[in-house]
C-alpha atoms as a PDB file:
ATOM      1  CA  MET A   1       9.872  -5.595  -6.687  1.00  0.00           C
ATOM      2  CA  ARG A   2       8.065  -3.286  -9.065  1.00  0.00           C
ATOM      3  CA  ILE A   3       4.419  -3.759  -9.962  1.00  0.00           C
ATOM      4  CA  ARG A   4       4.011  -3.710 -13.719  1.00  0.00           C
ATOM      5  CA  THR A   5       1.941  -0.749 -14.827  1.00  0.00           C
ATOM      6  CA  GLU A   6       0.329  -2.424 -17.805  1.00  0.00           C
ATOM      7  CA  ILE A   7      -2.329  -5.014 -17.165  1.00  0.00           C
ATOM      8  CA  THR A   8      -1.165  -8.171 -18.878  1.00  0.00           C
ATOM      9  CA  SER A   9      -4.030 -10.442 -17.953  1.00  0.00           C
ATOM     10  CA  SER A  10      -7.766  -9.970 -17.967  1.00  0.00           C
ATOM     11  CA  TYR A  11      -7.758 -11.737 -14.594  1.00  0.00           C
ATOM     12  CA  ILE A  12      -5.889  -8.829 -12.905  1.00  0.00           C
ATOM     13  CA  ASN A  13      -8.245  -5.961 -12.091  1.00  0.00           C
ATOM     14  CA  GLU A  14      -7.715  -2.511 -10.580  1.00  0.00           C
ATOM     15  CA  THR A  15      -8.650  -3.731  -7.098  1.00  0.00           C
ATOM     16  CA  ASP A  16      -5.927  -6.383  -7.336  1.00  0.00           C
ATOM     17  CA  ARG A  17      -3.427  -3.731  -8.399  1.00  0.00           C
ATOM     18  CA  LYS A  18      -4.454  -1.375  -5.589  1.00  0.00           C
ATOM     19  CA  MET A  19      -4.257  -4.121  -2.968  1.00  0.00           C
ATOM     20  CA  ALA A  20      -0.830  -5.194  -4.268  1.00  0.00           C
ATOM     21  CA  GLU A  21       0.419  -1.615  -3.891  1.00  0.00           C
ATOM     22  CA  LEU A  22      -0.872  -1.540  -0.315  1.00  0.00           C
ATOM     23  CA  ALA A  23       0.746  -4.895   0.463  1.00  0.00           C
ATOM     24  CA  ASN A  24       4.009  -3.617  -0.984  1.00  0.00           C
ATOM     25  CA  ALA A  25       3.758  -0.482   1.166  1.00  0.00           C
ATOM     26  CA  MET A  26       3.307  -2.646   4.260  1.00  0.00           C
ATOM     27  CA  ALA A  27       6.199  -4.965   3.342  1.00  0.00           C
ATOM     28  CA  HIS A  28       8.731  -3.462   5.741  1.00  0.00           C
ATOM     29  CA  PRO A  29       8.697  -3.629   9.555  1.00  0.00           C
ATOM     30  CA  LEU A  30       9.355   0.105   9.921  1.00  0.00           C
ATOM     31  CA  ARG A  31       6.425   0.972   7.666  1.00  0.00           C
ATOM     32  CA  VAL A  32       4.151  -1.360   9.638  1.00  0.00           C
ATOM     33  CA  ALA A  33       5.321   0.368  12.833  1.00  0.00           C
ATOM     34  CA  LEU A  34       4.718   3.808  11.282  1.00  0.00           C
ATOM     35  CA  VAL A  35       1.168   2.812  10.308  1.00  0.00           C
ATOM     36  CA  ARG A  36       0.507   1.436  13.794  1.00  0.00           C
ATOM     37  CA  TYR A  37       1.988   4.527  15.469  1.00  0.00           C
ATOM     38  CA  LEU A  38       0.010   6.927  13.313  1.00  0.00           C
ATOM     39  CA  GLY A  39      -3.180   4.955  13.902  1.00  0.00           C
ATOM     40  CA  GLU A  40      -2.641   5.152  17.647  1.00  0.00           C
ATOM     41  CA  LYS A  41      -1.821   8.868  17.536  1.00  0.00           C
ATOM     42  CA  ASN A  42      -4.644   9.865  15.184  1.00  0.00           C
ATOM     43  CA  TYR A  43      -7.419   7.721  16.583  1.00  0.00           C
ATOM     44  CA  GLY A  44      -6.311   6.511  19.988  1.00  0.00           C
ATOM     45  CA  GLN A  45      -6.874   9.696  21.933  1.00  0.00           C
ATOM     46  CA  GLY A  46      -8.764  12.007  19.630  1.00  0.00           C
ATOM     47  CA  VAL A  47      -8.353  14.137  16.541  1.00  0.00           C
ATOM     48  CA  ASP A  48      -6.144  16.707  18.273  1.00  0.00           C
ATOM     49  CA  ASN A  49      -3.189  14.312  18.337  1.00  0.00           C
ATOM     50  CA  VAL A  50      -1.503  15.183  15.074  1.00  0.00           C
ATOM     51  CA  THR A  51       1.871  13.842  13.997  1.00  0.00           C
ATOM     52  CA  CYS A  52       4.535  15.702  12.055  1.00  0.00           C
ATOM     53  CA  ASN A  53       7.979  14.841  10.679  1.00  0.00           C
ATOM     54  CA  LYS A  54       9.869  15.622  13.854  1.00  0.00           C
ATOM     55  CA  ASP A  55       7.537  13.411  15.914  1.00  0.00           C
ATOM     56  CA  LEU A  56       8.318  10.417  13.707  1.00  0.00           C
ATOM     57  CA  VAL A  57      12.060  11.035  13.821  1.00  0.00           C
ATOM     58  CA  GLU A  58      11.945  11.374  17.623  1.00  0.00           C
ATOM     59  CA  MET A  59       9.850   8.227  18.048  1.00  0.00           C
ATOM     60  CA  PHE A  60      11.844   5.907  15.787  1.00  0.00           C
ATOM     61  CA  ASP A  61      15.579   5.329  15.933  1.00  0.00           C
ATOM     62  CA  TYR A  62      16.177   6.139  12.267  1.00  0.00           C
ATOM     63  CA  SER A  63      17.545   9.165  10.439  1.00  0.00           C
ATOM     64  CA  GLN A  64      15.178  11.790   9.091  1.00  0.00           C
ATOM     65  CA  SER A  65      16.003  10.769   5.514  1.00  0.00           C
ATOM     66  CA  THR A  66      15.191   7.097   6.213  1.00  0.00           C
ATOM     67  CA  ILE A  67      11.870   8.030   7.830  1.00  0.00           C
ATOM     68  CA  SER A  68      11.083  10.279   4.854  1.00  0.00           C
ATOM     69  CA  GLN A  69      11.762   7.497   2.347  1.00  0.00           C
ATOM     70  CA  HIS A  70       9.402   5.128   4.141  1.00  0.00           C
ATOM     71  CA  VAL A  71       6.745   7.800   4.641  1.00  0.00           C
ATOM     72  CA  LYS A  72       6.872   8.579   0.907  1.00  0.00           C
ATOM     73  CA  ILE A  73       6.055   4.950   0.100  1.00  0.00           C
ATOM     74  CA  LEU A  74       3.129   5.046   2.527  1.00  0.00           C
ATOM     75  CA  LYS A  75       1.927   8.356   1.068  1.00  0.00           C
ATOM     76  CA  ASP A  76       2.208   7.067  -2.511  1.00  0.00           C
ATOM     77  CA  SER A  77       0.145   4.011  -1.579  1.00  0.00           C
ATOM     78  CA  GLY A  78      -2.563   6.247  -0.123  1.00  0.00           C
ATOM     79  CA  LEU A  79      -2.170   4.978   3.457  1.00  0.00           C
ATOM     80  CA  PHE A  80      -0.849   8.321   4.716  1.00  0.00           C
ATOM     81  CA  ASN A  81      -2.563  11.610   4.014  1.00  0.00           C
ATOM     82  CA  THR A  82      -0.686  14.854   4.525  1.00  0.00           C
ATOM     83  CA  GLU A  83      -1.548  18.373   5.506  1.00  0.00           C
ATOM     84  CA  TYR A  84       0.924  21.221   5.201  1.00  0.00           C
ATOM     85  CA  LYS A  85       0.833  23.996   7.819  1.00  0.00           C
ATOM     86  CA  ASN A  86       3.570  26.605   7.905  1.00  0.00           C
ATOM     87  CA  LYS A  87       6.857  24.706   7.670  1.00  0.00           C
ATOM     88  CA  PHE A  88       5.500  21.416   9.040  1.00  0.00           C
ATOM     89  CA  THR A  89       3.966  18.422   7.331  1.00  0.00           C
ATOM     90  CA  TYR A  90       1.334  16.597   9.355  1.00  0.00           C
ATOM     91  CA  TYR A  91       0.464  12.974   8.676  1.00  0.00           C
ATOM     92  CA  TYR A  92      -2.844  11.182   9.057  1.00  0.00           C
ATOM     93  CA  LEU A  93      -3.606   7.521   8.580  1.00  0.00           C
ATOM     94  CA  ASN A  94      -6.120   6.805   5.832  1.00  0.00           C
ATOM     95  CA  ARG A  95      -8.062   4.449   8.029  1.00  0.00           C
ATOM     96  CA  ASN A  96     -10.729   3.767   5.404  1.00  0.00           C
ATOM     97  CA  LEU A  97      -8.113   2.479   2.970  1.00  0.00           C
ATOM     98  CA  LEU A  98      -6.554   0.298   5.655  1.00  0.00           C
ATOM     99  CA  ILE A  99      -9.976  -1.152   6.480  1.00  0.00           C
ATOM    100  CA  GLU A 100     -10.565  -1.802   2.761  1.00  0.00           C
ATOM    101  CA  PHE A 101      -7.236  -3.642   2.607  1.00  0.00           C
ATOM    102  CA  LEU A 102      -8.078  -5.738   5.672  1.00  0.00           C
ATOM    103  CA  GLU A 103     -11.498  -6.610   4.260  1.00  0.00           C
ATOM    104  CA  PHE A 104      -9.863  -7.646   0.987  1.00  0.00           C
ATOM    105  CA  ILE A 105      -7.468  -9.953   2.857  1.00  0.00           C
ATOM    106  CA  GLN A 106     -10.337 -11.324   4.945  1.00  0.00           C
ATOM    107  CA  ASN A 107     -12.261 -12.036   1.728  1.00  0.00           C
ATOM    108  CA  LEU A 108      -9.291 -13.993   0.388  1.00  0.00           C
ATOM    109  CA  CYS A 109      -9.161 -16.049   3.577  1.00  0.00           C
ATOM    110  CA  ASP A 110     -12.903 -16.747   3.504  1.00  0.00           C
ATOM    111  CA  LYS A 111     -12.877 -18.128  -0.064  1.00  0.00           C
ATOM    112  CA  LYS A 112     -13.292 -21.895  -0.234  1.00  0.00           C
END
């Protein structure tokens, strides 16, 4: 499902749009697993644990092209940041954005 680019209601704000894009990015089990894996690699044991394309392909039982398609969605949403070194692309979880998303969801649950 595509998110309409034009705002058609004054009730929909930019935060709503941003959170919808994040929810859409997390709407596939592989992408959820990629986010979890990257979070564990980046923050579980220190900053030195970087993850590149080949690591993701080795970890998950999917083709390189399938992994790339899902990673692109996560990058476009802002959840994955990239750094290019030589011929490798390294991925980092945008933890601040994920926390913002979780706080937004928590806020929705707390509303009475």
